[in-house]
Amino acid sequence: MIPPRAVLVVFAKVPRPGEVKTRMCPPLSHPEAAELYASMLADVLETSARAARRLGIAPVLALHPAEQGRALLLEVPTPFRVVPQRGPHLSARMSWALREAAAGGASRILLRGSDSPALDEEAIAAALDALARCDVVLRPDLDGGYNLVGLRLAAGAIFDHPMSTGHVLEDTLLRARGLGLATEVAAPGFDLDTIEDLRWLARERDSASRSCTRTLEFIDRRGLWSRAPAS
C-alpha cells in the first residue's frame, strides 16, 4: 500500500449532554448543547471528507471517548478511519496523532477541531499548500487559539504547554520557532464555544452556508439566534 502523502485528522468528542458545549449552558440546556454540537460535528465531517477527496489526502477521525461513540460511528462518512484519542490531555493527544500519522508515512499532517464548522475546504487546501513553504501553519480563531494546524514534521513538542488559555496560539508559535521551525499564520476564522459566538456565524452566514448546513438548520429551528446577546 502506498502511504498517504498527507493526513487530515479531525479531533472530536462524542456529543453527550453535559460533556460538550458546556460553556453555552445556560442559556442552552445540556441536551440542546449536545444536539448543537452533533450538528456541528456532522458538518465538520462532511466538509473534511469533501476536502480529503478533492486534495487526495487521508481523513482520520480522532474520537474521545472512543468507547462511547458506537452510535456516532454509524453516521461517520465512510472515507474516515476512526481512532481513539490517546493521552491524558489535549496536548498529549495532538502529539500522539502527529506521531501516528507520521509513522503511517504521511509527510504533511493537518489537525482540525470540531468547534469550527465554518472552516471550509478552501481553508484546508490553503493550509496544505502553505506546508510547501513552511514547517508549521496555524489558523487562528478569535479567542487566542487556533482551529487548524498543519505540520510537515511530527513535532509534537510545539504543543507542550497549556492548551486552554487565551494565548495558546502565541505559545504554540513560540514553541515552534524555538525548535527552529518556519511558521506561517493563516487567515483567521472562529469557533463556536459560547453563545456569543453565534454572532460571528450570523455575520458569515452567506459564505459559510455550504459548510454549516446542519448547524444553521438546527440554530434556525430552535431559535437560538435570539439567545445570543446583541453586543
C-alpha atoms as a PDB file:
ATOM      1  CA  MET A   1       0.000   0.000   0.000  1.00  0.00           C
ATOM      2  CA  ILE A   2       1.283   3.461  -0.913  1.00  0.00           C
ATOM      3  CA  PRO A   3       1.475   5.696   2.191  1.00  0.00           C
ATOM      4  CA  PRO A   4      -0.705   8.830   2.066  1.00  0.00           C
ATOM      5  CA  ARG A   5       1.228  11.981   1.278  1.00  0.00           C
ATOM      6  CA  ALA A   6      -0.965  13.885   3.722  1.00  0.00           C
ATOM      7  CA  VAL A   7      -3.440  13.176   6.501  1.00  0.00           C
ATOM      8  CA  LEU A   8      -6.299  15.290   7.841  1.00  0.00           C
ATOM      9  CA  VAL A   9      -7.149  14.441  11.458  1.00  0.00           C
ATOM     10  CA  VAL A  10     -10.436  15.704  12.921  1.00  0.00           C
ATOM     11  CA  PHE A  11     -10.464  15.882  16.735  1.00  0.00           C
ATOM     12  CA  ALA A  12     -13.944  15.324  18.146  1.00  0.00           C
ATOM     13  CA  LYS A  13     -15.876  14.375  21.244  1.00  0.00           C
ATOM     14  CA  VAL A  14     -18.877  12.097  21.486  1.00  0.00           C
ATOM     15  CA  PRO A  15     -21.872  14.512  21.664  1.00  0.00           C
ATOM     16  CA  ARG A  16     -23.173  13.598  25.115  1.00  0.00           C
ATOM     17  CA  PRO A  17     -25.192  16.075  27.221  1.00  0.00           C
ATOM     18  CA  GLY A  18     -23.104  17.692  29.917  1.00  0.00           C
ATOM     19  CA  GLU A  19     -19.815  16.857  28.154  1.00  0.00           C
ATOM     20  CA  VAL A  20     -19.836  19.142  25.091  1.00  0.00           C
ATOM     21  CA  LYS A  21     -20.513  22.869  24.605  1.00  0.00           C
ATOM     22  CA  THR A  22     -20.927  23.345  28.348  1.00  0.00           C
ATOM     23  CA  ARG A  23     -19.848  26.988  28.044  1.00  0.00           C
ATOM     24  CA  MET A  24     -23.150  27.584  26.225  1.00  0.00           C
ATOM     25  CA  CYS A  25     -25.126  26.385  29.263  1.00  0.00           C
ATOM     26  CA  PRO A  26     -27.025  28.464  30.192  1.00  0.00           C
ATOM     27  CA  PRO A  27     -28.818  29.774  28.180  1.00  0.00           C
ATOM     28  CA  LEU A  28     -28.832  26.411  26.383  1.00  0.00           C
ATOM     29  CA  SER A  29     -29.768  23.257  28.232  1.00  0.00           C
ATOM     30  CA  HIS A  30     -27.180  20.478  28.177  1.00  0.00           C
ATOM     31  CA  PRO A  31     -29.299  18.365  25.764  1.00  0.00           C
ATOM     32  CA  GLU A  32     -29.643  21.377  23.421  1.00  0.00           C
ATOM     33  CA  ALA A  33     -25.892  21.998  23.555  1.00  0.00           C
ATOM     34  CA  ALA A  34     -25.197  18.343  22.727  1.00  0.00           C
ATOM     35  CA  GLU A  35     -27.606  18.484  19.768  1.00  0.00           C
ATOM     36  CA  LEU A  36     -25.936  21.660  18.525  1.00  0.00           C
ATOM     37  CA  TYR A  37     -22.516  20.030  18.790  1.00  0.00           C
ATOM     38  CA  ALA A  38     -23.769  16.931  16.962  1.00  0.00           C
ATOM     39  CA  SER A  39     -24.931  19.188  14.111  1.00  0.00           C
ATOM     40  CA  MET A  40     -21.590  20.985  14.066  1.00  0.00           C
ATOM     41  CA  LEU A  41     -19.686  17.710  14.018  1.00  0.00           C
ATOM     42  CA  ALA A  42     -21.761  16.366  11.136  1.00  0.00           C
ATOM     43  CA  ASP A  43     -20.923  19.495   9.125  1.00  0.00           C
ATOM     44  CA  VAL A  44     -17.229  19.294  10.034  1.00  0.00           C
ATOM     45  CA  LEU A  45     -17.009  15.651   8.955  1.00  0.00           C
ATOM     46  CA  GLU A  46     -18.808  16.259   5.673  1.00  0.00           C
ATOM     47  CA  THR A  47     -16.627  19.251   4.775  1.00  0.00           C
ATOM     48  CA  SER A  48     -13.481  17.392   5.800  1.00  0.00           C
ATOM     49  CA  ALA A  49     -14.465  14.352   3.732  1.00  0.00           C
ATOM     50  CA  ARG A  50     -15.041  16.557   0.674  1.00  0.00           C
ATOM     51  CA  ALA A  51     -11.700  18.294   1.190  1.00  0.00           C
ATOM     52  CA  ALA A  52      -9.910  14.970   1.598  1.00  0.00           C
ATOM     53  CA  ARG A  53     -11.354  13.655  -1.673  1.00  0.00           C
ATOM     54  CA  ARG A  54     -10.522  16.866  -3.508  1.00  0.00           C
ATOM     55  CA  LEU A  55      -6.961  17.054  -2.179  1.00  0.00           C
ATOM     56  CA  GLY A  56      -6.175  13.338  -2.275  1.00  0.00           C
ATOM     57  CA  ILE A  57      -5.437  13.067   1.434  1.00  0.00           C
ATOM     58  CA  ALA A  58      -6.441  10.517   4.057  1.00  0.00           C
ATOM     59  CA  PRO A  59      -9.167  11.570   6.554  1.00  0.00           C
ATOM     60  CA  VAL A  60      -8.980  10.372  10.152  1.00  0.00           C
ATOM     61  CA  LEU A  61     -11.443  10.930  12.999  1.00  0.00           C
ATOM     62  CA  ALA A  62      -9.775  11.001  16.438  1.00  0.00           C
ATOM     63  CA  LEU A  63     -12.655  10.416  18.846  1.00  0.00           C
ATOM     64  CA  HIS A  64     -12.958  10.874  22.621  1.00  0.00           C
ATOM     65  CA  PRO A  65     -14.083   8.854  24.452  1.00  0.00           C
ATOM     66  CA  ALA A  66     -13.995   6.259  21.686  1.00  0.00           C
ATOM     67  CA  GLU A  67     -15.690   3.532  23.714  1.00  0.00           C
ATOM     68  CA  GLN A  68     -18.867   5.668  23.941  1.00  0.00           C
ATOM     69  CA  GLY A  69     -19.056   6.511  20.240  1.00  0.00           C
ATOM     70  CA  ARG A  70     -20.652   3.425  18.696  1.00  0.00           C
ATOM     71  CA  ALA A  71     -23.843   5.213  17.655  1.00  0.00           C
ATOM     72  CA  LEU A  72     -21.851   8.105  16.206  1.00  0.00           C
ATOM     73  CA  LEU A  73     -19.693   5.758  14.158  1.00  0.00           C
ATOM     74  CA  LEU A  74     -22.745   4.687  12.155  1.00  0.00           C
ATOM     75  CA  GLU A  75     -23.060   8.276  10.887  1.00  0.00           C
ATOM     76  CA  VAL A  76     -19.393   8.967  10.139  1.00  0.00           C
ATOM     77  CA  PRO A  77     -18.694   9.351   6.402  1.00  0.00           C
ATOM     78  CA  THR A  78     -17.151   6.142   5.107  1.00  0.00           C
ATOM     79  CA  PRO A  79     -13.769   7.579   3.999  1.00  0.00           C
ATOM     80  CA  PHE A  80     -12.776   8.197   7.620  1.00  0.00           C
ATOM     81  CA  ARG A  81     -10.533   5.914   9.599  1.00  0.00           C
ATOM     82  CA  VAL A  82     -11.665   6.220  13.223  1.00  0.00           C
ATOM     83  CA  VAL A  83      -9.084   6.077  16.014  1.00  0.00           C
ATOM     84  CA  PRO A  84      -9.324   6.799  19.751  1.00  0.00           C
ATOM     85  CA  GLN A  85      -7.616   9.862  21.121  1.00  0.00           C
ATOM     86  CA  ARG A  86      -4.701   8.788  23.293  1.00  0.00           C
ATOM     87  CA  GLY A  87      -3.208  10.781  26.135  1.00  0.00           C
ATOM     88  CA  PRO A  88      -4.241  12.403  29.420  1.00  0.00           C
ATOM     89  CA  HIS A  89      -4.845  15.880  27.951  1.00  0.00           C
ATOM     90  CA  LEU A  90      -5.282  17.637  24.593  1.00  0.00           C
ATOM     91  CA  SER A  91      -1.600  18.464  24.140  1.00  0.00           C
ATOM     92  CA  ALA A  92      -0.615  14.801  24.530  1.00  0.00           C
ATOM     93  CA  ARG A  93      -3.447  13.679  22.249  1.00  0.00           C
ATOM     94  CA  MET A  94      -2.397  16.039  19.479  1.00  0.00           C
ATOM     95  CA  SER A  95       1.214  14.919  19.800  1.00  0.00           C
ATOM     96  CA  TRP A  96       0.129  11.284  19.603  1.00  0.00           C
ATOM     97  CA  ALA A  97      -1.920  11.974  16.452  1.00  0.00           C
ATOM     98  CA  LEU A  98       1.129  13.543  14.812  1.00  0.00           C
ATOM     99  CA  ARG A  99       3.341  10.581  15.623  1.00  0.00           C
ATOM    100  CA  GLU A 100       0.672   8.129  14.443  1.00  0.00           C
ATOM    101  CA  ALA A 101       0.243   9.902  11.110  1.00  0.00           C
ATOM    102  CA  ALA A 102       3.999  10.213  10.567  1.00  0.00           C
ATOM    103  CA  ALA A 103       4.505   6.534  11.399  1.00  0.00           C
ATOM    104  CA  GLY A 104       1.958   5.734   8.687  1.00  0.00           C
ATOM    105  CA  GLY A 105       4.070   7.525   6.104  1.00  0.00           C
ATOM    106  CA  ALA A 106       2.387  10.944   5.911  1.00  0.00           C
ATOM    107  CA  SER A 107       4.690  13.844   5.057  1.00  0.00           C
ATOM    108  CA  ARG A 108       2.027  16.527   5.623  1.00  0.00           C
ATOM    109  CA  ILE A 109      -0.272  16.401   8.665  1.00  0.00           C
ATOM    110  CA  LEU A 110      -3.308  18.612   9.268  1.00  0.00           C
ATOM    111  CA  LEU A 111      -5.163  18.636  12.587  1.00  0.00           C
ATOM    112  CA  ARG A 112      -8.508  20.394  12.938  1.00  0.00           C
ATOM    113  CA  GLY A 113     -11.034  20.754  15.717  1.00  0.00           C
ATOM    114  CA  SER A 114     -14.774  20.163  15.576  1.00  0.00           C
ATOM    115  CA  ASP A 115     -15.812  23.536  17.033  1.00  0.00           C
ATOM    116  CA  SER A 116     -15.338  25.417  13.745  1.00  0.00           C
ATOM    117  CA  PRO A 117     -17.998  24.299  11.241  1.00  0.00           C
ATOM    118  CA  ALA A 118     -17.393  27.397   9.108  1.00  0.00           C
ATOM    119  CA  LEU A 119     -13.842  26.217   8.329  1.00  0.00           C
ATOM    120  CA  ASP A 120     -14.256  25.295   4.671  1.00  0.00           C
ATOM    121  CA  GLU A 121     -12.476  23.261   2.015  1.00  0.00           C
ATOM    122  CA  GLU A 122     -10.557  26.305   0.801  1.00  0.00           C
ATOM    123  CA  ALA A 123      -9.056  26.895   4.249  1.00  0.00           C
ATOM    124  CA  ILE A 124      -7.950  23.262   4.437  1.00  0.00           C
ATOM    125  CA  ALA A 125      -6.447  23.436   0.937  1.00  0.00           C
ATOM    126  CA  ALA A 126      -4.641  26.689   1.778  1.00  0.00           C
ATOM    127  CA  ALA A 127      -3.095  25.147   4.889  1.00  0.00           C
ATOM    128  CA  LEU A 128      -1.898  22.163   2.884  1.00  0.00           C
ATOM    129  CA  ASP A 129      -0.386  24.477   0.268  1.00  0.00           C
ATOM    130  CA  ALA A 130       1.363  26.511   2.985  1.00  0.00           C
ATOM    131  CA  LEU A 131       3.312  23.426   4.037  1.00  0.00           C
ATOM    132  CA  ALA A 132       5.218  23.652   0.753  1.00  0.00           C
ATOM    133  CA  ARG A 133       6.954  26.769   2.147  1.00  0.00           C
ATOM    134  CA  CYS A 134       6.880  26.367   5.936  1.00  0.00           C
ATOM    135  CA  ASP A 135       7.049  23.714   8.636  1.00  0.00           C
ATOM    136  CA  VAL A 136       4.029  24.812  10.670  1.00  0.00           C
ATOM    137  CA  VAL A 137       0.868  26.683   9.682  1.00  0.00           C
ATOM    138  CA  LEU A 138      -1.770  27.789  12.189  1.00  0.00           C
ATOM    139  CA  ARG A 139      -5.264  29.186  11.530  1.00  0.00           C
ATOM    140  CA  PRO A 140      -6.240  31.480  14.423  1.00  0.00           C
ATOM    141  CA  ASP A 141      -9.670  31.760  15.961  1.00  0.00           C
ATOM    142  CA  LEU A 142     -10.994  34.780  17.847  1.00  0.00           C
ATOM    143  CA  ASP A 143     -10.180  33.731  21.418  1.00  0.00           C
ATOM    144  CA  GLY A 144      -6.400  33.453  21.143  1.00  0.00           C
ATOM    145  CA  GLY A 145      -6.335  29.841  19.978  1.00  0.00           C
ATOM    146  CA  TYR A 146      -6.493  28.132  16.607  1.00  0.00           C
ATOM    147  CA  ASN A 147      -8.781  25.673  14.858  1.00  0.00           C
ATOM    148  CA  LEU A 148      -6.413  24.205  12.280  1.00  0.00           C
ATOM    149  CA  VAL A 149      -2.731  23.357  12.434  1.00  0.00           C
ATOM    150  CA  GLY A 150      -0.580  21.862   9.715  1.00  0.00           C
ATOM    151  CA  LEU A 151       2.900  20.361  10.094  1.00  0.00           C
ATOM    152  CA  ARG A 152       5.364  18.612   7.849  1.00  0.00           C
ATOM    153  CA  LEU A 153       7.275  17.175  10.805  1.00  0.00           C
ATOM    154  CA  ALA A 154       5.943  15.126  13.719  1.00  0.00           C
ATOM    155  CA  ALA A 155       6.994  17.961  16.042  1.00  0.00           C
ATOM    156  CA  GLY A 156       4.608  17.287  18.900  1.00  0.00           C
ATOM    157  CA  ALA A 157       6.785  19.373  21.228  1.00  0.00           C
ATOM    158  CA  ILE A 158       5.136  22.520  19.846  1.00  0.00           C
ATOM    159  CA  PHE A 159       2.051  21.571  21.883  1.00  0.00           C
ATOM    160  CA  ASP A 160       3.991  21.188  25.133  1.00  0.00           C
ATOM    161  CA  HIS A 161       2.164  23.943  27.011  1.00  0.00           C
ATOM    162  CA  PRO A 162      -1.317  24.563  28.483  1.00  0.00           C
ATOM    163  CA  MET A 163      -3.909  24.473  25.692  1.00  0.00           C
ATOM    164  CA  SER A 164      -6.957  26.076  27.351  1.00  0.00           C
ATOM    165  CA  THR A 165      -5.668  29.642  27.555  1.00  0.00           C
ATOM    166  CA  GLY A 166      -6.226  32.896  25.716  1.00  0.00           C
ATOM    167  CA  HIS A 167      -2.673  32.846  24.360  1.00  0.00           C
ATOM    168  CA  VAL A 168      -2.352  29.290  23.074  1.00  0.00           C
ATOM    169  CA  LEU A 169      -1.685  30.498  19.513  1.00  0.00           C
ATOM    170  CA  GLU A 170       1.187  32.681  20.706  1.00  0.00           C
ATOM    171  CA  ASP A 171       2.567  29.880  22.885  1.00  0.00           C
ATOM    172  CA  THR A 172       2.477  27.364  20.026  1.00  0.00           C
ATOM    173  CA  LEU A 173       4.218  29.777  17.661  1.00  0.00           C
ATOM    174  CA  LEU A 174       6.916  30.450  20.267  1.00  0.00           C
ATOM    175  CA  ARG A 175       7.465  26.729  20.805  1.00  0.00           C
ATOM    176  CA  ALA A 176       7.698  26.109  17.056  1.00  0.00           C
ATOM    177  CA  ARG A 177      10.139  28.949  16.471  1.00  0.00           C
ATOM    178  CA  GLY A 178      12.187  27.824  19.450  1.00  0.00           C
ATOM    179  CA  LEU A 179      12.580  24.478  17.706  1.00  0.00           C
ATOM    180  CA  GLY A 180      13.825  26.240  14.569  1.00  0.00           C
ATOM    181  CA  LEU A 181      10.637  25.586  12.587  1.00  0.00           C
ATOM    182  CA  ALA A 182       9.442  28.018   9.946  1.00  0.00           C
ATOM    183  CA  THR A 183       5.908  29.162  10.765  1.00  0.00           C
ATOM    184  CA  GLU A 184       3.018  30.808   8.954  1.00  0.00           C
ATOM    185  CA  VAL A 185      -0.248  32.206  10.303  1.00  0.00           C
ATOM    186  CA  ALA A 186      -3.257  31.703   8.034  1.00  0.00           C
ATOM    187  CA  ALA A 187      -6.304  33.940   7.654  1.00  0.00           C
ATOM    188  CA  PRO A 188      -8.327  33.789  10.888  1.00  0.00           C
ATOM    189  CA  GLY A 189     -11.633  32.029  11.470  1.00  0.00           C
ATOM    190  CA  PHE A 190     -13.809  31.426  14.519  1.00  0.00           C
ATOM    191  CA  ASP A 191     -15.029  28.666  16.809  1.00  0.00           C
ATOM    192  CA  LEU A 192     -18.481  28.282  18.316  1.00  0.00           C
ATOM    193  CA  ASP A 193     -17.604  27.976  22.008  1.00  0.00           C
ATOM    194  CA  THR A 194     -20.000  30.371  23.717  1.00  0.00           C
ATOM    195  CA  ILE A 195     -23.497  31.582  22.911  1.00  0.00           C
ATOM    196  CA  GLU A 196     -21.981  34.961  21.969  1.00  0.00           C
ATOM    197  CA  ASP A 197     -20.040  33.272  19.163  1.00  0.00           C
ATOM    198  CA  LEU A 198     -23.272  32.736  17.236  1.00  0.00           C
ATOM    199  CA  ARG A 199     -22.941  36.385  16.225  1.00  0.00           C
ATOM    200  CA  TRP A 200     -19.886  35.541  14.125  1.00  0.00           C
ATOM    201  CA  LEU A 201     -21.744  32.751  12.349  1.00  0.00           C
ATOM    202  CA  ALA A 202     -24.703  35.071  11.700  1.00  0.00           C
ATOM    203  CA  ARG A 203     -22.367  37.616  10.080  1.00  0.00           C
ATOM    204  CA  GLU A 204     -20.743  34.961   7.895  1.00  0.00           C
ATOM    205  CA  ARG A 205     -23.933  33.058   7.119  1.00  0.00           C
ATOM    206  CA  ASP A 206     -23.860  33.504   3.326  1.00  0.00           C
ATOM    207  CA  SER A 207     -20.227  32.459   2.907  1.00  0.00           C
ATOM    208  CA  ALA A 208     -20.489  29.665   5.493  1.00  0.00           C
ATOM    209  CA  SER A 209     -23.772  28.162   4.325  1.00  0.00           C
ATOM    210  CA  ARG A 210     -22.209  25.293   2.344  1.00  0.00           C
ATOM    211  CA  SER A 211     -20.020  24.121   5.217  1.00  0.00           C
ATOM    212  CA  CYS A 212     -22.561  24.776   8.005  1.00  0.00           C
ATOM    213  CA  THR A 213     -25.835  23.412   6.619  1.00  0.00           C
ATOM    214  CA  ARG A 214     -26.839  21.272   9.597  1.00  0.00           C
ATOM    215  CA  THR A 215     -25.575  23.781  12.154  1.00  0.00           C
ATOM    216  CA  LEU A 216     -27.570  26.612  10.615  1.00  0.00           C
ATOM    217  CA  GLU A 217     -30.680  24.462  10.253  1.00  0.00           C
ATOM    218  CA  PHE A 218     -30.522  23.474  13.935  1.00  0.00           C
ATOM    219  CA  ILE A 219     -29.990  27.060  15.131  1.00  0.00           C
ATOM    220  CA  ASP A 220     -32.864  28.276  12.935  1.00  0.00           C
ATOM    221  CA  ARG A 221     -35.204  25.507  14.044  1.00  0.00           C
ATOM    222  CA  ARG A 222     -34.543  26.069  17.763  1.00  0.00           C
ATOM    223  CA  GLY A 223     -34.463  29.858  17.521  1.00  0.00           C
ATOM    224  CA  LEU A 224     -31.036  30.061  19.114  1.00  0.00           C
ATOM    225  CA  TRP A 225     -30.101  33.344  17.427  1.00  0.00           C
ATOM    226  CA  SER A 226     -32.365  35.215  19.845  1.00  0.00           C
ATOM    227  CA  ARG A 227     -30.464  33.810  22.834  1.00  0.00           C
ATOM    228  CA  ALA A 228     -27.154  35.360  21.775  1.00  0.00           C
ATOM    229  CA  PRO A 229     -26.533  38.842  23.264  1.00  0.00           C
ATOM    230  CA  ALA A 230     -26.851  41.666  20.764  1.00  0.00           C
ATOM    231  CA  SER A 231     -23.403  43.031  21.681  1.00  0.00           C
END
